[in-house]
N, C-alpha and C. Protein backbone atom coordinates (compact mmCIF):
# COMPACT_ATOMS: atom_id res chain seq x y z
N UNK A 1 14.56 1.52 -3.30
CA UNK A 1 15.34 1.67 -1.98
C UNK A 1 15.00 1.49 -0.32
N UNK A 2 15.06 0.91 0.26
CA UNK A 2 14.34 0.58 1.28
C UNK A 2 14.41 0.96 2.40
N UNK A 3 13.87 1.91 3.03
CA UNK A 3 13.57 2.45 4.24
C UNK A 3 13.06 2.39 5.54
N UNK A 4 13.58 2.36 6.30
CA UNK A 4 13.08 2.80 8.14
C UNK A 4 13.00 3.02 8.52
N UNK A 5 11.66 3.80 9.08
CA UNK A 5 10.96 4.88 9.84
C UNK A 5 11.27 3.91 11.48
N UNK A 6 11.92 4.99 11.86
CA UNK A 6 11.60 4.88 13.06
C UNK A 6 11.05 4.90 14.47
N UNK A 7 11.39 6.72 14.30
CA UNK A 7 10.34 7.07 15.25
C UNK A 7 10.15 8.37 14.08
N UNK A 8 8.78 9.55 15.05
CA UNK A 8 8.30 10.86 14.61
C UNK A 8 8.34 11.66 16.35
N UNK A 9 8.99 12.34 15.85
CA UNK A 9 10.06 13.18 16.87
C UNK A 9 8.81 14.20 16.73
N UNK A 10 8.04 14.26 16.89
CA UNK A 10 7.21 15.59 16.69
C UNK A 10 6.43 15.31 17.85
N UNK A 11 6.14 16.71 18.07
CA UNK A 11 5.07 16.45 19.43
C UNK A 11 3.62 16.39 19.73
N UNK A 12 3.37 17.04 18.64
CA UNK A 12 2.22 16.67 17.82
C UNK A 12 1.73 16.02 16.96
N UNK A 13 1.75 15.05 16.31
CA UNK A 13 2.89 14.43 15.19
C UNK A 13 1.28 14.82 14.21
N UNK A 14 1.61 15.04 12.99
CA UNK A 14 0.60 15.32 11.47
C UNK A 14 -0.04 13.81 11.58
N UNK A 15 -0.59 13.03 11.87
CA UNK A 15 -0.87 11.78 11.21
C UNK A 15 -1.76 11.59 10.05
N UNK A 16 -2.28 11.92 9.82
CA UNK A 16 -3.22 12.92 8.25
C UNK A 16 -1.64 13.13 6.66
N UNK A 17 -1.33 13.52 7.21
CA UNK A 17 -0.05 14.33 6.41
C UNK A 17 1.01 12.91 6.49
N UNK A 18 1.70 12.93 6.91
CA UNK A 18 2.06 11.44 7.20
C UNK A 18 1.73 9.89 6.73
N UNK A 19 0.23 9.60 6.36
CA UNK A 19 -0.33 8.84 5.88
C UNK A 19 -0.49 9.18 4.51
N UNK A 20 -0.42 10.66 4.38
CA UNK A 20 -1.19 10.61 2.51
C UNK A 20 0.94 11.10 2.35
N UNK A 21 1.74 11.20 3.30
CA UNK A 21 3.62 10.94 2.25
C UNK A 21 3.67 10.01 2.10
N UNK A 22 3.20 8.76 3.48
CA UNK A 22 3.68 7.32 3.13
C UNK A 22 2.94 6.50 1.97
N UNK A 23 1.42 7.31 1.50
CA UNK A 23 0.88 7.06 -0.17
C UNK A 23 1.65 7.12 -1.04
N UNK A 24 2.10 8.55 -0.47
CA UNK A 24 3.08 8.70 -2.27
C UNK A 24 3.89 8.43 -2.39
N UNK A 25 4.72 8.60 -1.22
CA UNK A 25 6.18 8.26 -1.18
C UNK A 25 6.57 6.18 -1.82
N UNK A 26 5.69 5.67 -0.51
CA UNK A 26 5.81 4.04 -0.99
C UNK A 26 5.41 3.21 -2.08
N UNK A 27 5.93 2.00 -2.82
CA UNK A 27 5.66 1.56 -3.18
C UNK A 27 4.87 0.17 -3.11
N UNK A 28 3.78 0.85 -3.45
CA UNK A 28 2.59 -0.09 -4.12
C UNK A 28 1.88 0.34 -1.96
N UNK A 29 1.37 1.19 -2.34
CA UNK A 29 1.15 1.87 -0.49
C UNK A 29 -0.93 2.10 -1.02
N UNK A 30 -1.83 1.93 -0.50
CA UNK A 30 -2.12 2.54 -0.44
C UNK A 30 -3.06 3.13 0.63
N UNK A 31 -4.10 4.28 0.72
CA UNK A 31 -4.51 4.50 1.40
C UNK A 31 -4.92 3.84 3.28
N UNK A 32 -5.36 2.84 2.92
CA UNK A 32 -5.78 2.29 4.14
C UNK A 32 -4.51 1.58 5.25
N UNK A 33 -3.83 1.13 3.84
CA UNK A 33 -2.09 0.79 4.68
C UNK A 33 -1.27 2.14 5.34
N UNK A 34 -1.57 3.37 4.82
CA UNK A 34 -0.78 3.79 4.62
C UNK A 34 -1.19 4.53 6.28
N UNK A 35 -2.32 4.27 6.05
CA UNK A 35 -3.05 5.26 8.06
C UNK A 35 -3.19 3.90 8.89
N UNK A 36 -2.60 3.07 8.90
CA UNK A 36 -2.07 1.84 9.25
C UNK A 36 -0.69 2.16 10.10
N UNK A 37 -0.03 1.99 8.41
CA UNK A 37 1.48 2.27 8.99
C UNK A 37 1.91 3.73 9.94
N UNK A 38 0.90 4.49 9.61
CA UNK A 38 1.15 5.53 10.49
C UNK A 38 0.92 6.07 12.35
N UNK A 39 -0.09 4.15 12.44
CA UNK A 39 -0.44 4.36 13.51
C UNK A 39 1.10 3.45 14.20
N UNK A 40 1.43 3.07 13.54
CA UNK A 40 2.20 2.61 14.00
C UNK A 40 3.73 2.74 14.46
N UNK A 41 3.72 3.74 13.23
CA UNK A 41 5.52 4.57 14.00
C UNK A 41 4.54 5.57 14.78
N UNK A 42 3.66 6.13 15.17
CA UNK A 42 3.74 7.31 16.07
C UNK A 42 3.01 6.95 17.43
N UNK A 43 2.96 5.27 17.27
CA UNK A 43 3.23 4.54 18.24
C UNK A 43 4.40 4.16 19.40
N UNK A 44 5.50 4.48 18.16
CA UNK A 44 6.89 3.90 18.57
C UNK A 44 8.00 3.15 18.40
N UNK A 45 6.63 1.52 17.27
CA UNK A 45 6.96 0.97 16.09
C UNK A 45 7.40 1.31 15.11
N UNK A 46 9.04 0.72 15.15
CA UNK A 46 9.72 1.06 13.18
C UNK A 46 8.77 0.03 12.85
N UNK A 47 9.06 1.14 10.70
CA UNK A 47 8.05 0.52 10.22
C UNK A 47 9.10 0.60 8.49
N UNK A 48 9.31 -0.77 8.08
CA UNK A 48 9.61 -0.78 7.09
C UNK A 48 9.07 0.33 5.70
N UNK A 49 9.50 0.64 4.59
CA UNK A 49 9.37 0.84 2.97
C UNK A 49 9.56 0.39 2.02
N UNK A 50 9.03 0.74 0.79
CA UNK A 50 10.05 0.35 -0.07
C UNK A 50 9.51 1.88 -1.09
N UNK A 51 11.24 2.47 -0.93
CA UNK A 51 10.46 3.59 -1.96
C UNK A 51 11.79 3.56 -3.16
N UNK A 52 10.52 4.49 -4.18
CA UNK A 52 12.29 4.60 -6.04
C UNK A 52 12.53 5.18 -6.43
N UNK A 53 13.41 4.97 -6.79
CA UNK A 53 14.74 5.22 -6.73
C UNK A 53 14.47 6.91 -7.63
N UNK A 54 13.70 6.70 -7.70
CA UNK A 54 13.95 8.44 -8.45
C UNK A 54 13.04 9.42 -7.59
N UNK A 55 11.99 8.67 -6.49
CA UNK A 55 11.93 9.18 -5.87
C UNK A 55 12.52 9.74 -4.09
N UNK A 56 13.65 9.24 -4.17
CA UNK A 56 14.15 9.17 -2.94
C UNK A 56 14.55 10.34 -2.08
N UNK A 57 14.83 11.38 -3.35
CA UNK A 57 15.41 12.18 -2.28
C UNK A 57 14.54 13.38 -1.51
N UNK A 58 13.33 13.36 -2.37
CA UNK A 58 12.51 14.03 -2.23
C UNK A 58 11.39 13.15 -1.02
N UNK A 59 11.80 11.69 -0.67
CA UNK A 59 11.25 11.34 0.36
C UNK A 59 11.94 11.59 1.54
N UNK A 60 12.76 11.12 1.82
CA UNK A 60 13.90 11.75 2.74
C UNK A 60 13.69 12.87 2.76
N UNK A 61 13.67 14.42 2.21
CA UNK A 61 13.79 15.73 3.00
C UNK A 61 12.03 15.26 3.61
N UNK A 62 11.29 15.11 2.69
CA UNK A 62 10.23 14.85 3.30
C UNK A 62 9.39 14.53 4.56
N UNK A 63 10.09 13.19 5.20
CA UNK A 63 10.33 12.38 6.26
C UNK A 63 10.89 13.92 7.09
N UNK A 64 12.10 14.53 6.73
CA UNK A 64 12.73 15.29 7.74
C UNK A 64 11.16 16.57 8.13
N UNK A 65 10.75 16.75 6.63
CA UNK A 65 10.31 18.29 7.41
C UNK A 65 9.09 17.31 8.17
N UNK A 66 8.94 16.62 8.90
CA UNK A 66 7.75 15.79 9.38
C UNK A 66 8.54 15.48 10.77
N UNK A 67 9.57 15.58 10.90
CA UNK A 67 10.27 14.94 12.48
C UNK A 67 10.16 13.88 12.59
N UNK A 68 10.63 13.17 11.25
CA UNK A 68 10.39 11.20 11.10
C UNK A 68 12.21 10.85 10.67
N UNK A 69 12.26 10.10 12.22
CA UNK A 69 14.02 9.79 12.30
C UNK A 69 13.67 8.41 11.36
N UNK A 70 14.26 8.63 10.52
CA UNK A 70 14.57 7.07 9.46
C UNK A 70 16.40 7.09 9.22
N UNK A 71 16.06 5.34 8.36
CA UNK A 71 17.11 4.72 8.48
C UNK A 71 17.22 4.26 6.72
N UNK A 72 18.54 4.63 5.88
CA UNK A 72 18.45 4.18 4.63
C UNK A 72 18.71 2.08 4.90
N UNK A 73 18.58 1.62 4.11
CA UNK A 73 18.53 0.04 4.07
C UNK A 73 18.83 -0.03 2.69
N UNK A 74 19.96 -0.96 2.62
CA UNK A 74 20.76 -1.38 1.44
C UNK A 74 19.70 -3.11 0.87
């Protein structure tokens, strides 16, 4: 399943937590790529990630917890 991360609405986004989440939920994501995508997202540019179907419900819940707006892409 593809997810487009649109923006992070948190007043003070926790970049470390976001990067760790991306590394955990995204398919084929390493820590350096997760940090780079986190910086891009926090700066205001949307990011697309691929998530395994097994992790999709926990992934979306975790994204909401970190105040990240997302859209599911088919």
